[in-house]
C-alpha cells in the first residue's frame, strides 16, 4: 500500500481536479462539497486499487480503466449529471491526465532520477506525480479565464 501522504496529497488532489475540470468543461456546476466528496472517494479508490495491484503483483496500467469507471459512476451518482455528461467528463479528464503522463517521464530522464527512489519517497512520489495534472490545470485556467469548454449541455444527445 502506498504511503498515506500519497493518498492525501496526490490521489485526492488529482481526483478533485479530474472531477472539477471534467464537469466545468461540460458546463456543469456542482457544489464544492460534492466536488470534495468525489475527490476524496475517488482518491481513496485509486489508492486502494493501486495497493491491490501492488499486493497481487499486477502491473499498473489497467488500473486506469478501473478508476475511470469509478469516476464515471461517481460523477453520475454524486454530481447528479446525465450519463453522457459523466462519460464525456471522465474521458476528457483522463485524456488530459494521459497527455500529462508524459511529463514525469521527461523529468525522470532529464534529471536522471531513479524511479524506485521516487516511489520509495512519498514526497518525491507526490511531487513528480502531480506533474501529470499539468494539462488538467491548464484546461481549468482556460475555462476560468476564457470560458473555453468542450460543449454546451444542449449539444449533447441525452
Protein backbone atom coordinates (compact mmCIF):
# COMPACT_ATOMS: atom_id res chain seq x y z
CA UNK A 1 0.00 0.00 0.00
CA UNK A 2 1.25 3.45 -0.82
CA UNK A 3 2.01 5.93 1.94
CA UNK A 4 -0.96 7.84 3.34
CA UNK A 5 0.70 11.10 2.20
CA UNK A 6 0.42 9.91 -1.39
CA UNK A 7 -3.32 9.44 -0.84
CA UNK A 8 -3.80 12.85 0.77
CA UNK A 9 -1.58 14.98 -1.44
CA UNK A 10 -1.62 13.18 -4.80
CA UNK A 11 -4.60 10.91 -5.36
CA UNK A 12 -7.22 13.09 -3.69
CA UNK A 13 -5.89 16.28 -5.33
CA UNK A 14 -5.71 14.64 -8.76
CA UNK A 15 -9.19 13.13 -8.34
CA UNK A 16 -10.60 16.50 -7.33
CA UNK A 17 -9.06 18.07 -10.44
CA UNK A 18 -10.35 15.25 -12.66
CA UNK A 19 -13.90 15.83 -11.47
CA UNK A 20 -13.78 19.63 -11.40
CA UNK A 21 -12.19 20.06 -14.82
CA UNK A 22 -14.32 17.40 -16.49
CA UNK A 23 -17.53 18.92 -15.19
CA UNK A 24 -16.52 22.53 -15.91
CA UNK A 25 -15.55 21.69 -19.49
CA UNK A 26 -19.07 20.36 -19.98
CA UNK A 27 -20.55 23.46 -18.33
CA UNK A 28 -21.74 21.60 -15.25
CA UNK A 29 -21.59 23.31 -11.89
CA UNK A 30 -21.72 21.35 -8.65
CA UNK A 31 -21.15 22.46 -5.09
CA UNK A 32 -17.68 22.45 -3.59
CA UNK A 33 -18.93 19.91 -1.08
CA UNK A 34 -19.90 17.45 -3.80
CA UNK A 35 -16.60 18.02 -5.61
CA UNK A 36 -14.68 17.43 -2.42
CA UNK A 37 -16.67 14.26 -1.72
CA UNK A 38 -15.99 12.96 -5.24
CA UNK A 39 -12.29 13.82 -4.87
CA UNK A 40 -11.93 12.06 -1.52
CA UNK A 41 -13.90 8.96 -2.52
CA UNK A 42 -12.21 8.63 -5.90
CA UNK A 43 -8.76 9.33 -4.43
CA UNK A 44 -9.35 6.58 -1.87
CA UNK A 45 -10.46 4.22 -4.65
CA UNK A 46 -7.30 5.00 -6.65
CA UNK A 47 -5.15 4.39 -3.58
CA UNK A 48 -6.88 1.08 -2.79
CA UNK A 49 -6.81 -0.15 -6.40
CA UNK A 50 -3.11 0.67 -6.72
CA UNK A 51 -2.46 -1.09 -3.41
CA UNK A 52 -4.44 -4.14 -4.57
CA UNK A 53 -2.45 -4.24 -7.80
CA UNK A 54 0.86 -3.97 -5.95
CA UNK A 55 -0.11 -6.61 -3.39
CA UNK A 56 -1.19 -9.05 -6.10
CA UNK A 57 1.72 -8.30 -8.43
CA UNK A 58 -0.49 -6.91 -11.19
CA UNK A 59 1.33 -4.48 -13.46
CA UNK A 60 -0.03 -0.95 -13.28
CA UNK A 61 -1.71 0.28 -16.41
CA UNK A 62 -5.05 -1.46 -16.46
CA UNK A 63 -5.85 0.27 -13.18
CA UNK A 64 -6.55 3.40 -15.25
CA UNK A 65 -9.61 1.78 -16.80
CA UNK A 66 -10.83 0.60 -13.40
CA UNK A 67 -10.50 4.01 -11.74
CA UNK A 68 -12.02 5.75 -14.78
CA UNK A 69 -15.12 3.58 -14.43
CA UNK A 70 -15.35 4.57 -10.78
CA UNK A 71 -15.03 8.27 -11.63
CA UNK A 72 -17.75 7.89 -14.25
CA UNK A 73 -20.07 6.32 -11.67
CA UNK A 74 -19.23 8.91 -9.01
CA UNK A 75 -19.93 11.76 -11.41
CA UNK A 76 -23.27 10.22 -12.35
CA UNK A 77 -24.35 9.41 -8.81
CA UNK A 78 -22.84 12.21 -6.70
CA UNK A 79 -22.71 15.11 -9.17
CA UNK A 80 -26.11 14.01 -10.48
CA UNK A 81 -25.31 14.67 -14.15
CA UNK A 82 -26.57 12.72 -17.16
CA UNK A 83 -24.85 9.53 -18.27
CA UNK A 84 -23.45 11.27 -21.36
CA UNK A 85 -22.04 14.19 -19.35
CA UNK A 86 -20.49 11.77 -16.83
CA UNK A 87 -18.91 9.78 -19.67
CA UNK A 88 -17.69 12.86 -21.52
CA UNK A 89 -16.26 14.47 -18.40
CA UNK A 90 -14.47 11.24 -17.45
CA UNK A 91 -13.00 10.68 -20.91
CA UNK A 92 -11.84 14.26 -21.40
CA UNK A 93 -10.28 14.42 -17.92
CA UNK A 94 -8.48 11.12 -18.33
CA UNK A 95 -7.21 12.16 -21.77
CA UNK A 96 -5.74 15.32 -20.23
CA UNK A 97 -4.07 13.27 -17.49
CA UNK A 98 -2.75 10.83 -20.10
CA UNK A 99 -1.14 13.71 -22.00
CA UNK A 100 0.28 14.96 -18.71
CA UNK A 101 1.58 11.46 -18.01
CA UNK A 102 4.46 12.17 -20.36
CA UNK A 103 5.81 14.90 -18.11
CA UNK A 104 7.07 12.68 -15.25
CA UNK A 105 8.97 10.57 -17.80
CA UNK A 106 10.66 13.66 -19.17
CA UNK A 107 11.54 14.86 -15.66
CA UNK A 108 12.90 11.45 -14.66
CA UNK A 109 15.02 11.22 -17.82
CA UNK A 110 16.22 14.84 -17.78
CA UNK A 111 17.31 14.77 -14.13
CA UNK A 112 18.50 11.15 -14.37
CA UNK A 113 16.29 10.10 -11.46
CA UNK A 114 15.74 6.53 -10.32
CA UNK A 115 12.06 5.53 -10.46
CA UNK A 116 12.49 3.27 -7.41
CA UNK A 117 13.81 6.22 -5.39
CA UNK A 118 10.81 8.32 -6.44
CA UNK A 119 8.28 5.64 -5.47
CA UNK A 120 10.05 4.89 -2.18
CA UNK A 121 9.92 8.54 -1.05
CA UNK A 122 6.32 9.74 -0.61
CA UNK A 123 7.15 13.41 -1.15
CA UNK A 124 9.05 12.71 -4.39
CA UNK A 125 6.17 10.47 -5.46
CA UNK A 126 3.67 13.28 -4.82
CA UNK A 127 5.80 15.96 -6.45
CA UNK A 128 6.54 14.02 -9.64
CA UNK A 129 3.02 12.55 -9.71
CA UNK A 130 1.37 15.97 -9.60
CA UNK A 131 3.13 16.96 -12.81
CA UNK A 132 0.62 14.64 -14.56
CA UNK A 133 -2.09 17.17 -13.74
CA UNK A 134 -0.42 19.94 -15.78
CA UNK A 135 -2.91 19.71 -18.66
CA UNK A 136 -5.84 19.49 -16.24
CA UNK A 137 -4.69 22.71 -14.58
CA UNK A 138 -4.16 24.36 -17.98
CA UNK A 139 -7.67 23.34 -19.08
CA UNK A 140 -9.10 24.66 -15.81
CA UNK A 141 -7.34 28.00 -16.26
CA UNK A 142 -8.51 28.27 -19.89
CA UNK A 143 -12.04 27.54 -18.74
CA UNK A 144 -11.95 30.08 -15.92
CA UNK A 145 -10.23 32.89 -17.85
CA UNK A 146 -11.64 32.43 -21.36
CA UNK A 147 -14.73 30.32 -20.76
CA UNK A 148 -13.40 27.57 -23.02
CA UNK A 149 -15.41 24.38 -22.78
CA UNK A 150 -15.89 21.20 -24.76
CA UNK A 151 -19.56 21.75 -25.49
CA UNK A 152 -22.75 23.10 -24.03
CA UNK A 153 -25.13 20.65 -22.44
CA UNK A 154 -27.77 21.30 -25.09
CA UNK A 155 -25.41 19.99 -27.77
CA UNK A 156 -25.10 16.53 -26.20
CA UNK A 157 -27.63 13.90 -27.11
CA UNK A 158 -29.38 12.82 -23.95
